[in-house]
Amino acid sequence: MPSPSEQEEQWFKEQELKKKADAAAAEQHQMTIAEREARKQAHWMKCPKCGGDLAERDYEGIKIDQCGDCHGVWLDAGELEQIGHEKAGGLFGFLTRKK
C-alpha cells in the first residue's frame, strides 16, 4: 500500500494533468472559434461563383446580394420565400409552392 506522501504526490500529478488537459481543450476551442471567424471574414460578401465583391441591392423591399463582376444574384435564407409570396404566380412562385 502506498504511503500518504506517495498518495498525495499521485493526487497532485493527476490534478496537474487535468489542468493541462483542460487548458489544451480551451485552447483548441479558441482556435476553432478563431478559424471559423477567419473563414467568415475571408468569404464575407464574396460571390460564390467568381469571388467578386457582393453589394446589397433592394428588390421590391427585399435586400438581395449582387456580384459586381459577374452580376450573379444571391439570396440569403428566407429571401426566396419572401419574393415567392410577393409574386405567388410569378417567376419564383413555382419554387415556393408546397407539394
PDB file of N, CA and C in Angstrom:
ATOM      1  N   MET A   1       0.850  -1.169   0.000  1.00  0.00           N
ATOM      2  CA  MET A   1       0.000   0.000   0.000  1.00  0.00           C
ATOM      3  C   MET A   1       0.900   1.237   0.000  1.00  0.00           C
ATOM      4  N   PRO A   2       0.576   2.239  -0.890  1.00  0.00           N
ATOM      5  CA  PRO A   2       1.417   3.438  -0.953  1.00  0.00           C
ATOM      6  C   PRO A   2       1.284   4.270   0.319  1.00  0.00           C
ATOM      7  N   SER A   3       2.338   4.939   0.633  1.00  0.00           N
ATOM      8  CA  SER A   3       2.340   5.801   1.830  1.00  0.00           C
ATOM      9  C   SER A   3       1.510   7.056   1.542  1.00  0.00           C
ATOM     10  N   PRO A   4       1.101   7.777   2.606  1.00  0.00           N
ATOM     11  CA  PRO A   4       0.311   9.000   2.413  1.00  0.00           C
ATOM     12  C   PRO A   4       1.017  10.021   1.522  1.00  0.00           C
ATOM     13  N   SER A   5       2.333  10.147   1.664  1.00  0.00           N
ATOM     14  CA  SER A   5       3.051  11.120   0.837  1.00  0.00           C
ATOM     15  C   SER A   5       3.038  10.698  -0.640  1.00  0.00           C
ATOM     16  N   GLU A   6       3.110   9.381  -0.905  1.00  0.00           N
ATOM     17  CA  GLU A   6       3.025   8.893  -2.289  1.00  0.00           C
ATOM     18  C   GLU A   6       1.633   9.125  -2.861  1.00  0.00           C
ATOM     19  N   GLN A   7       0.607   8.953  -2.026  1.00  0.00           N
ATOM     20  CA  GLN A   7      -0.763   9.197  -2.463  1.00  0.00           C
ATOM     21  C   GLN A   7      -0.968  10.686  -2.781  1.00  0.00           C
ATOM     22  N   GLU A   8      -0.414  11.535  -1.926  1.00  0.00           N
ATOM     23  CA  GLU A   8      -0.515  12.977  -2.176  1.00  0.00           C
ATOM     24  C   GLU A   8       0.194  13.355  -3.473  1.00  0.00           C
ATOM     25  N   GLU A   9       1.358  12.793  -3.659  1.00  0.00           N
ATOM     26  CA  GLU A   9       2.131  13.064  -4.860  1.00  0.00           C
ATOM     27  C   GLU A   9       1.354  12.629  -6.101  1.00  0.00           C
ATOM     28  N   GLN A  10       0.753  11.462  -6.040  1.00  0.00           N
ATOM     29  CA  GLN A  10      -0.048  10.960  -7.154  1.00  0.00           C
ATOM     30  C   GLN A  10      -1.245  11.880  -7.409  1.00  0.00           C
ATOM     31  N   TRP A  11      -1.897  12.326  -6.344  1.00  0.00           N
ATOM     32  CA  TRP A  11      -3.057  13.210  -6.477  1.00  0.00           C
ATOM     33  C   TRP A  11      -2.659  14.523  -7.167  1.00  0.00           C
ATOM     34  N   PHE A  12      -1.512  15.099  -6.740  1.00  0.00           N
ATOM     35  CA  PHE A  12      -1.045  16.337  -7.349  1.00  0.00           C
ATOM     36  C   PHE A  12      -0.696  16.136  -8.823  1.00  0.00           C
ATOM     37  N   LYS A  13      -0.099  15.005  -9.161  1.00  0.00           N
ATOM     38  CA  LYS A  13       0.215  14.701 -10.559  1.00  0.00           C
ATOM     39  C   LYS A  13      -1.072  14.619 -11.388  1.00  0.00           C
ATOM     40  N   GLU A  14      -2.081  13.953 -10.838  1.00  0.00           N
ATOM     41  CA  GLU A  14      -3.361  13.824 -11.544  1.00  0.00           C
ATOM     42  C   GLU A  14      -4.013  15.191 -11.735  1.00  0.00           C
ATOM     43  N   GLN A  15      -3.924  16.037 -10.689  1.00  0.00           N
ATOM     44  CA  GLN A  15      -4.503  17.381 -10.794  1.00  0.00           C
ATOM     45  C   GLN A  15      -3.775  18.207 -11.856  1.00  0.00           C
ATOM     46  N   GLU A  16      -2.474  18.088 -11.903  1.00  0.00           N
ATOM     47  CA  GLU A  16      -1.684  18.817 -12.897  1.00  0.00           C
ATOM     48  C   GLU A  16      -2.020  18.340 -14.311  1.00  0.00           C
ATOM     49  N   LEU A  17      -2.163  17.041 -14.491  1.00  0.00           N
ATOM     50  CA  LEU A  17      -2.545  16.506 -15.800  1.00  0.00           C
ATOM     51  C   LEU A  17      -3.936  16.989 -16.204  1.00  0.00           C
ATOM     52  N   LYS A  18      -4.845  17.033 -15.247  1.00  0.00           N
ATOM     53  CA  LYS A  18      -6.206  17.501 -15.528  1.00  0.00           C
ATOM     54  C   LYS A  18      -6.181  18.972 -15.942  1.00  0.00           C
ATOM     55  N   LYS A  19      -5.388  19.793 -15.238  1.00  0.00           N
ATOM     56  CA  LYS A  19      -5.280  21.217 -15.587  1.00  0.00           C
ATOM     57  C   LYS A  19      -4.721  21.387 -16.999  1.00  0.00           C
ATOM     58  N   LYS A  20      -3.702  20.593 -17.328  1.00  0.00           N
ATOM     59  CA  LYS A  20      -3.105  20.677 -18.660  1.00  0.00           C
ATOM     60  C   LYS A  20      -4.109  20.256 -19.735  1.00  0.00           C
ATOM     61  N   ALA A  21      -4.859  19.206 -19.474  1.00  0.00           N
ATOM     62  CA  ALA A  21      -5.861  18.739 -20.438  1.00  0.00           C
ATOM     63  C   ALA A  21      -6.959  19.787 -20.613  1.00  0.00           C
ATOM     64  N   ASP A  22      -7.401  20.395 -19.517  1.00  0.00           N
ATOM     65  CA  ASP A  22      -8.426  21.440 -19.590  1.00  0.00           C
ATOM     66  C   ASP A  22      -7.910  22.645 -20.368  1.00  0.00           C
ATOM     67  N   ALA A  23      -6.668  23.025 -20.122  1.00  0.00           N
ATOM     68  CA  ALA A  23      -6.079  24.168 -20.829  1.00  0.00           C
ATOM     69  C   ALA A  23      -5.951  23.877 -22.319  1.00  0.00           C
ATOM     70  N   ALA A  24      -5.549  22.661 -22.659  1.00  0.00           N
ATOM     71  CA  ALA A  24      -5.426  22.278 -24.066  1.00  0.00           C
ATOM     72  C   ALA A  24      -6.787  22.290 -24.750  1.00  0.00           C
ATOM     73  N   ALA A  25      -7.811  21.812 -24.062  1.00  0.00           N
ATOM     74  CA  ALA A  25      -9.163  21.806 -24.634  1.00  0.00           C
ATOM     75  C   ALA A  25      -9.661  23.237 -24.841  1.00  0.00           C
ATOM     76  N   ALA A  26      -9.402  24.113 -23.883  1.00  0.00           N
ATOM     77  CA  ALA A  26      -9.820  25.514 -24.011  1.00  0.00           C
ATOM     78  C   ALA A  26      -9.082  26.189 -25.167  1.00  0.00           C
ATOM     79  N   GLU A  27      -7.800  25.907 -25.306  1.00  0.00           N
ATOM     80  CA  GLU A  27      -7.016  26.485 -26.399  1.00  0.00           C
ATOM     81  C   GLU A  27      -7.528  25.991 -27.747  1.00  0.00           C
ATOM     82  N   GLN A  28      -7.860  24.707 -27.838  1.00  0.00           N
ATOM     83  CA  GLN A  28      -8.400  24.141 -29.078  1.00  0.00           C
ATOM     84  C   GLN A  28      -9.735  24.793 -29.419  1.00  0.00           C
ATOM     85  N   HIS A  29     -10.568  25.004 -28.416  1.00  0.00           N
ATOM     86  CA  HIS A  29     -11.867  25.654 -28.628  1.00  0.00           C
ATOM     87  C   HIS A  29     -11.672  27.076 -29.160  1.00  0.00           C
ATOM     88  N   GLN A  30     -10.739  27.819 -28.582  1.00  0.00           N
ATOM     89  CA  GLN A  30     -10.461  29.188 -29.034  1.00  0.00           C
ATOM     90  C   GLN A  30      -9.924  29.203 -30.460  1.00  0.00           C
ATOM     91  N   MET A  31      -9.065  28.216 -30.802  1.00  0.00           N
ATOM     92  CA  MET A  31      -8.540  28.130 -32.155  1.00  0.00           C
ATOM     93  C   MET A  31      -9.666  27.854 -33.143  1.00  0.00           C
ATOM     94  N   THR A  32     -10.590  26.988 -32.757  1.00  0.00           N
ATOM     95  CA  THR A  32     -11.721  26.662 -33.624  1.00  0.00           C
ATOM     96  C   THR A  32     -12.562  27.908 -33.880  1.00  0.00           C
ATOM     97  N   ILE A  33     -12.821  28.666 -32.842  1.00  0.00           N
ATOM     98  CA  ILE A  33     -13.597  29.901 -32.986  1.00  0.00           C
ATOM     99  C   ILE A  33     -12.850  30.884 -33.882  1.00  0.00           C
ATOM    100  N   ALA A  34     -11.555  31.034 -33.669  1.00  0.00           N
ATOM    101  CA  ALA A  34     -10.757  31.968 -34.461  1.00  0.00           C
ATOM    102  C   ALA A  34     -10.702  31.536 -35.927  1.00  0.00           C
ATOM    103  N   GLU A  35     -10.552  30.236 -36.184  1.00  0.00           N
ATOM    104  CA  GLU A  35     -10.524  29.733 -37.558  1.00  0.00           C
ATOM    105  C   GLU A  35     -11.862  29.983 -38.249  1.00  0.00           C
ATOM    106  N   ARG A  36     -12.953  29.740 -37.539  1.00  0.00           N
ATOM    107  CA  ARG A  36     -14.283  29.959 -38.103  1.00  0.00           C
ATOM    108  C   ARG A  36     -14.472  31.438 -38.454  1.00  0.00           C
ATOM    109  N   GLU A  37     -14.032  32.313 -37.562  1.00  0.00           N
ATOM    110  CA  GLU A  37     -14.153  33.755 -37.803  1.00  0.00           C
ATOM    111  C   GLU A  37     -13.276  34.178 -38.983  1.00  0.00           C
ATOM    112  N   ALA A  38     -12.074  33.618 -39.089  1.00  0.00           N
ATOM    113  CA  ALA A  38     -11.182  33.953 -40.205  1.00  0.00           C
ATOM    114  C   ALA A  38     -11.789  33.509 -41.536  1.00  0.00           C
ATOM    115  N   ARG A  39     -12.384  32.312 -41.569  1.00  0.00           N
ATOM    116  CA  ARG A  39     -13.039  31.834 -42.796  1.00  0.00           C
ATOM    117  C   ARG A  39     -14.207  32.738 -43.157  1.00  0.00           C
ATOM    118  N   LYS A  40     -14.970  33.136 -42.143  1.00  0.00           N
ATOM    119  CA  LYS A  40     -16.117  34.012 -42.392  1.00  0.00           C
ATOM    120  C   LYS A  40     -15.650  35.330 -42.986  1.00  0.00           C
ATOM    121  N   GLN A  41     -14.608  35.932 -42.400  1.00  0.00           N
ATOM    122  CA  GLN A  41     -14.103  37.206 -42.903  1.00  0.00           C
ATOM    123  C   GLN A  41     -13.543  37.077 -44.322  1.00  0.00           C
ATOM    124  N   ALA A  42     -12.905  35.955 -44.627  1.00  0.00           N
ATOM    125  CA  ALA A  42     -12.332  35.754 -45.957  1.00  0.00           C
ATOM    126  C   ALA A  42     -13.414  35.634 -47.034  1.00  0.00           C
ATOM    127  N   HIS A  43     -14.592  35.131 -46.664  1.00  0.00           N
ATOM    128  CA  HIS A  43     -15.658  34.903 -47.640  1.00  0.00           C
ATOM    129  C   HIS A  43     -16.826  35.865 -47.515  1.00  0.00           C
ATOM    130  N   TRP A  44     -16.778  36.751 -46.519  1.00  0.00           N
ATOM    131  CA  TRP A  44     -17.905  37.642 -46.248  1.00  0.00           C
ATOM    132  C   TRP A  44     -18.154  38.551 -47.450  1.00  0.00           C
ATOM    133  N   MET A  45     -19.382  38.520 -47.931  1.00  0.00           N
ATOM    134  CA  MET A  45     -19.834  39.336 -49.053  1.00  0.00           C
ATOM    135  C   MET A  45     -18.966  39.123 -50.297  1.00  0.00           C
ATOM    136  N   LYS A  46     -18.582  37.870 -50.530  1.00  0.00           N
ATOM    137  CA  LYS A  46     -17.863  37.482 -51.738  1.00  0.00           C
ATOM    138  C   LYS A  46     -18.754  36.552 -52.554  1.00  0.00           C
ATOM    139  N   CYS A  47     -18.693  36.694 -53.859  1.00  0.00           N
ATOM    140  CA  CYS A  47     -19.503  35.881 -54.762  1.00  0.00           C
ATOM    141  C   CYS A  47     -19.024  34.431 -54.728  1.00  0.00           C
ATOM    142  N   PRO A  48     -19.941  33.476 -54.517  1.00  0.00           N
ATOM    143  CA  PRO A  48     -19.531  32.067 -54.514  1.00  0.00           C
ATOM    144  C   PRO A  48     -19.119  31.575 -55.904  1.00  0.00           C
ATOM    145  N   LYS A  49     -19.525  32.269 -56.946  1.00  0.00           N
ATOM    146  CA  LYS A  49     -19.215  31.835 -58.306  1.00  0.00           C
ATOM    147  C   LYS A  49     -17.849  32.328 -58.766  1.00  0.00           C
ATOM    148  N   CYS A  50     -17.597  33.648 -58.634  1.00  0.00           N
ATOM    149  CA  CYS A  50     -16.354  34.207 -59.179  1.00  0.00           C
ATOM    150  C   CYS A  50     -15.445  34.838 -58.134  1.00  0.00           C
ATOM    151  N   GLY A  51     -15.931  35.015 -56.908  1.00  0.00           N
ATOM    152  CA  GLY A  51     -15.114  35.603 -55.847  1.00  0.00           C
ATOM    153  C   GLY A  51     -15.162  37.117 -55.801  1.00  0.00           C
ATOM    154  N   GLY A  52     -15.949  37.723 -56.692  1.00  0.00           N
ATOM    155  CA  GLY A  52     -16.075  39.185 -56.695  1.00  0.00           C
ATOM    156  C   GLY A  52     -16.812  39.687 -55.458  1.00  0.00           C
ATOM    157  N   ASP A  53     -16.776  40.981 -55.265  1.00  0.00           N
ATOM    158  CA  ASP A  53     -17.457  41.587 -54.119  1.00  0.00           C
ATOM    159  C   ASP A  53     -18.960  41.649 -54.371  1.00  0.00           C
ATOM    160  N   LEU A  54     -19.726  41.308 -53.338  1.00  0.00           N
ATOM    161  CA  LEU A  54     -21.178  41.401 -53.414  1.00  0.00           C
ATOM    162  C   LEU A  54     -21.620  42.742 -52.844  1.00  0.00           C
ATOM    163  N   ALA A  55     -22.667  43.277 -53.434  1.00  0.00           N
ATOM    164  CA  ALA A  55     -23.263  44.513 -52.931  1.00  0.00           C
ATOM    165  C   ALA A  55     -24.739  44.253 -52.702  1.00  0.00           C
ATOM    166  N   GLU A  56     -25.262  44.816 -51.622  1.00  0.00           N
ATOM    167  CA  GLU A  56     -26.688  44.656 -51.345  1.00  0.00           C
ATOM    168  C   GLU A  56     -27.481  45.553 -52.280  1.00  0.00           C
ATOM    169  N   ARG A  57     -28.533  44.986 -52.851  1.00  0.00           N
ATOM    170  CA  ARG A  57     -29.446  45.719 -53.714  1.00  0.00           C
ATOM    171  C   ARG A  57     -30.845  45.538 -53.160  1.00  0.00           C
ATOM    172  N   ASP A  58     -31.676  46.516 -53.403  1.00  0.00           N
ATOM    173  CA  ASP A  58     -33.064  46.440 -52.967  1.00  0.00           C
ATOM    174  C   ASP A  58     -33.907  45.927 -54.127  1.00  0.00           C
ATOM    175  N   TYR A  59     -34.599  44.813 -53.915  1.00  0.00           N
ATOM    176  CA  TYR A  59     -35.506  44.275 -54.919  1.00  0.00           C
ATOM    177  C   TYR A  59     -36.888  44.218 -54.289  1.00  0.00           C
ATOM    178  N   GLU A  60     -37.717  45.190 -54.618  1.00  0.00           N
ATOM    179  CA  GLU A  60     -39.081  45.265 -54.115  1.00  0.00           C
ATOM    180  C   GLU A  60     -39.136  45.130 -52.589  1.00  0.00           C
ATOM    181  N   GLY A  61     -38.254  45.868 -51.927  1.00  0.00           N
ATOM    182  CA  GLY A  61     -38.236  45.890 -50.469  1.00  0.00           C
ATOM    183  C   GLY A  61     -37.459  44.753 -49.825  1.00  0.00           C
ATOM    184  N   ILE A  62     -36.852  43.902 -50.621  1.00  0.00           N
ATOM    185  CA  ILE A  62     -36.069  42.769 -50.107  1.00  0.00           C
ATOM    186  C   ILE A  62     -34.616  43.005 -50.472  1.00  0.00           C
ATOM    187  N   LYS A  63     -33.733  42.885 -49.489  1.00  0.00           N
ATOM    188  CA  LYS A  63     -32.301  43.074 -49.728  1.00  0.00           C
ATOM    189  C   LYS A  63     -31.732  41.795 -50.329  1.00  0.00           C
ATOM    190  N   ILE A  64     -31.195  41.901 -51.549  1.00  0.00           N
ATOM    191  CA  ILE A  64     -30.538  40.769 -52.195  1.00  0.00           C
ATOM    192  C   ILE A  64     -29.080  41.149 -52.419  1.00  0.00           C
ATOM    193  N   ASP A  65     -28.227  40.164 -52.659  1.00  0.00           N
ATOM    194  CA  ASP A  65     -26.809  40.407 -52.893  1.00  0.00           C
ATOM    195  C   ASP A  65     -26.514  40.181 -54.371  1.00  0.00           C
ATOM    196  N   GLN A  66     -25.830  41.150 -55.002  1.00  0.00           N
ATOM    197  CA  GLN A  66     -25.483  41.023 -56.411  1.00  0.00           C
ATOM    198  C   GLN A  66     -23.990  41.230 -56.579  1.00  0.00           C
ATOM    199  N   CYS A  67     -23.385  40.395 -57.401  1.00  0.00           N
ATOM    200  CA  CYS A  67     -21.950  40.472 -57.666  1.00  0.00           C
ATOM    201  C   CYS A  67     -21.673  41.608 -58.639  1.00  0.00           C
ATOM    202  N   GLY A  68     -20.662  42.399 -58.327  1.00  0.00           N
ATOM    203  CA  GLY A  68     -20.276  43.494 -59.209  1.00  0.00           C
ATOM    204  C   GLY A  68     -19.516  43.023 -60.430  1.00  0.00           C
ATOM    205  N   ASP A  69     -18.977  41.801 -60.397  1.00  0.00           N
ATOM    206  CA  ASP A  69     -18.194  41.298 -61.525  1.00  0.00           C
ATOM    207  C   ASP A  69     -19.036  40.472 -62.495  1.00  0.00           C
ATOM    208  N   CYS A  70     -19.647  39.401 -62.012  1.00  0.00           N
ATOM    209  CA  CYS A  70     -20.410  38.508 -62.905  1.00  0.00           C
ATOM    210  C   CYS A  70     -21.906  38.828 -62.903  1.00  0.00           C
ATOM    211  N   HIS A  71     -22.329  39.738 -62.034  1.00  0.00           N
ATOM    212  CA  HIS A  71     -23.720  40.186 -61.912  1.00  0.00           C
ATOM    213  C   HIS A  71     -24.668  39.079 -61.455  1.00  0.00           C
ATOM    214  N   GLY A  72     -24.127  38.027 -60.861  1.00  0.00           N
ATOM    215  CA  GLY A  72     -24.965  36.982 -60.279  1.00  0.00           C
ATOM    216  C   GLY A  72     -25.727  37.525 -59.080  1.00  0.00           C
ATOM    217  N   VAL A  73     -26.868  36.941 -58.817  1.00  0.00           N
ATOM    218  CA  VAL A  73     -27.707  37.371 -57.707  1.00  0.00           C
ATOM    219  C   VAL A  73     -27.769  36.241 -56.693  1.00  0.00           C
ATOM    220  N   TRP A  74     -27.565  36.572 -55.417  1.00  0.00           N
ATOM    221  CA  TRP A  74     -27.536  35.589 -54.347  1.00  0.00           C
ATOM    222  C   TRP A  74     -28.532  35.994 -53.274  1.00  0.00           C
ATOM    223  N   LEU A  75     -29.248  35.011 -52.780  1.00  0.00           N
ATOM    224  CA  LEU A  75     -30.283  35.253 -51.781  1.00  0.00           C
ATOM    225  C   LEU A  75     -29.889  34.655 -50.443  1.00  0.00           C
ATOM    226  N   ASP A  76     -30.177  35.373 -49.385  1.00  0.00           N
ATOM    227  CA  ASP A  76     -29.980  34.857 -48.031  1.00  0.00           C
ATOM    228  C   ASP A  76     -31.177  33.999 -47.651  1.00  0.00           C
ATOM    229  N   ALA A  77     -31.064  33.306 -46.532  1.00  0.00           N
ATOM    230  CA  ALA A  77     -32.140  32.435 -46.065  1.00  0.00           C
ATOM    231  C   ALA A  77     -33.443  33.223 -45.938  1.00  0.00           C
ATOM    232  N   GLY A  78     -34.501  32.685 -46.507  1.00  0.00           N
ATOM    233  CA  GLY A  78     -35.825  33.274 -46.397  1.00  0.00           C
ATOM    234  C   GLY A  78     -36.164  34.284 -47.478  1.00  0.00           C
ATOM    235  N   GLU A  79     -35.163  34.766 -48.212  1.00  0.00           N
ATOM    236  CA  GLU A  79     -35.444  35.780 -49.220  1.00  0.00           C
ATOM    237  C   GLU A  79     -36.205  35.222 -50.420  1.00  0.00           C
ATOM    238  N   LEU A  80     -35.916  34.003 -50.822  1.00  0.00           N
ATOM    239  CA  LEU A  80     -36.659  33.396 -51.933  1.00  0.00           C
ATOM    240  C   LEU A  80     -38.132  33.261 -51.576  1.00  0.00           C
ATOM    241  N   GLU A  81     -38.405  32.870 -50.337  1.00  0.00           N
ATOM    242  CA  GLU A  81     -39.795  32.741 -49.901  1.00  0.00           C
ATOM    243  C   GLU A  81     -40.488  34.094 -49.898  1.00  0.00           C
ATOM    244  N   GLN A  82     -39.765  35.154 -49.489  1.00  0.00           N
ATOM    245  CA  GLN A  82     -40.349  36.497 -49.495  1.00  0.00           C
ATOM    246  C   GLN A  82     -40.690  36.922 -50.919  1.00  0.00           C
ATOM    247  N   ILE A  83     -39.781  36.669 -51.842  1.00  0.00           N
ATOM    248  CA  ILE A  83     -40.048  37.010 -53.244  1.00  0.00           C
ATOM    249  C   ILE A  83     -41.204  36.165 -53.765  1.00  0.00           C
ATOM    250  N   GLY A  84     -41.229  34.888 -53.397  1.00  0.00           N
ATOM    251  CA  GLY A  84     -42.301  33.996 -53.844  1.00  0.00           C
ATOM    252  C   GLY A  84     -43.661  34.431 -53.344  1.00  0.00           C
ATOM    253  N   HIS A  85     -43.727  34.938 -52.118  1.00  0.00           N
ATOM    254  CA  HIS A  85     -45.006  35.401 -51.583  1.00  0.00           C
ATOM    255  C   HIS A  85     -45.446  36.677 -52.278  1.00  0.00           C
ATOM    256  N   GLU A  86     -44.479  37.518 -52.600  1.00  0.00           N
ATOM    257  CA  GLU A  86     -44.796  38.756 -53.303  1.00  0.00           C
ATOM    258  C   GLU A  86     -45.306  38.451 -54.711  1.00  0.00           C
ATOM    259  N   LYS A  87     -44.712  37.473 -55.345  1.00  0.00           N
ATOM    260  CA  LYS A  87     -45.035  37.122 -56.723  1.00  0.00           C
ATOM    261  C   LYS A  87     -45.534  35.685 -56.781  1.00  0.00           C
ATOM    262  N   ALA A  88     -46.586  35.363 -56.093  1.00  0.00           N
ATOM    263  CA  ALA A  88     -47.064  33.980 -55.970  1.00  0.00           C
ATOM    264  C   ALA A  88     -47.261  33.309 -57.315  1.00  0.00           C
ATOM    265  N   GLY A  89     -47.674  34.025 -58.323  1.00  0.00           N
ATOM    266  CA  GLY A  89     -47.862  33.409 -59.636  1.00  0.00           C
ATOM    267  C   GLY A  89     -46.723  33.693 -60.575  1.00  0.00           C
ATOM    268  N   GLY A  90     -45.702  34.407 -60.111  1.00  0.00           N
ATOM    269  CA  GLY A  90     -44.624  34.847 -60.986  1.00  0.00           C
ATOM    270  C   GLY A  90     -43.503  33.832 -61.121  1.00  0.00           C
ATOM    271  N   LEU A  91     -42.358  34.360 -61.472  1.00  0.00           N
ATOM    272  CA  LEU A  91     -41.190  33.548 -61.776  1.00  0.00           C
ATOM    273  C   LEU A  91     -40.793  32.608 -60.645  1.00  0.00           C
ATOM    274  N   PHE A  92     -40.854  33.064 -59.384  1.00  0.00           N
ATOM    275  CA  PHE A  92     -40.415  32.249 -58.265  1.00  0.00           C
ATOM    276  C   PHE A  92     -41.549  31.500 -57.579  1.00  0.00           C
ATOM    277  N   GLY A  93     -42.753  31.732 -57.984  1.00  0.00           N
ATOM    278  CA  GLY A  93     -43.899  31.107 -57.328  1.00  0.00           C
ATOM    279  C   GLY A  93     -43.837  29.594 -57.330  1.00  0.00           C
ATOM    280  N   PHE A  94     -43.407  28.999 -58.440  1.00  0.00           N
ATOM    281  CA  PHE A  94     -43.363  27.540 -58.523  1.00  0.00           C
ATOM    282  C   PHE A  94     -42.326  26.935 -57.583  1.00  0.00           C
ATOM    283  N   LEU A  95     -41.307  27.680 -57.209  1.00  0.00           N
ATOM    284  CA  LEU A  95     -40.269  27.164 -56.326  1.00  0.00           C
ATOM    285  C   LEU A  95     -40.724  27.107 -54.869  1.00  0.00           C
ATOM    286  N   THR A  96     -41.639  27.969 -54.497  1.00  0.00           N
ATOM    287  CA  THR A  96     -42.022  28.067 -53.105  1.00  0.00           C
ATOM    288  C   THR A  96     -43.328  27.360 -52.778  1.00  0.00           C
ATOM    289  N   ARG A  97     -44.010  26.838 -53.778  1.00  0.00           N
ATOM    290  CA  ARG A  97     -45.263  26.131 -53.523  1.00  0.00           C
ATOM    291  C   ARG A  97     -45.005  24.823 -52.789  1.00  0.00           C
ATOM    292  N   LYS A  98     -45.830  24.527 -51.813  1.00  0.00           N
ATOM    293  CA  LYS A  98     -45.746  23.257 -51.066  1.00  0.00           C
ATOM    294  C   LYS A  98     -46.360  22.159 -51.917  1.00  0.00           C
ATOM    295  N   LYS A  99     -45.746  21.015 -51.896  1.00  0.00           N
ATOM    296  CA  LYS A  99     -46.248  19.884 -52.704  1.00  0.00           C
ATOM    297  C   LYS A  99     -47.177  19.015 -51.913  1.00  0.00           C
TER     298      LYS A  99
END
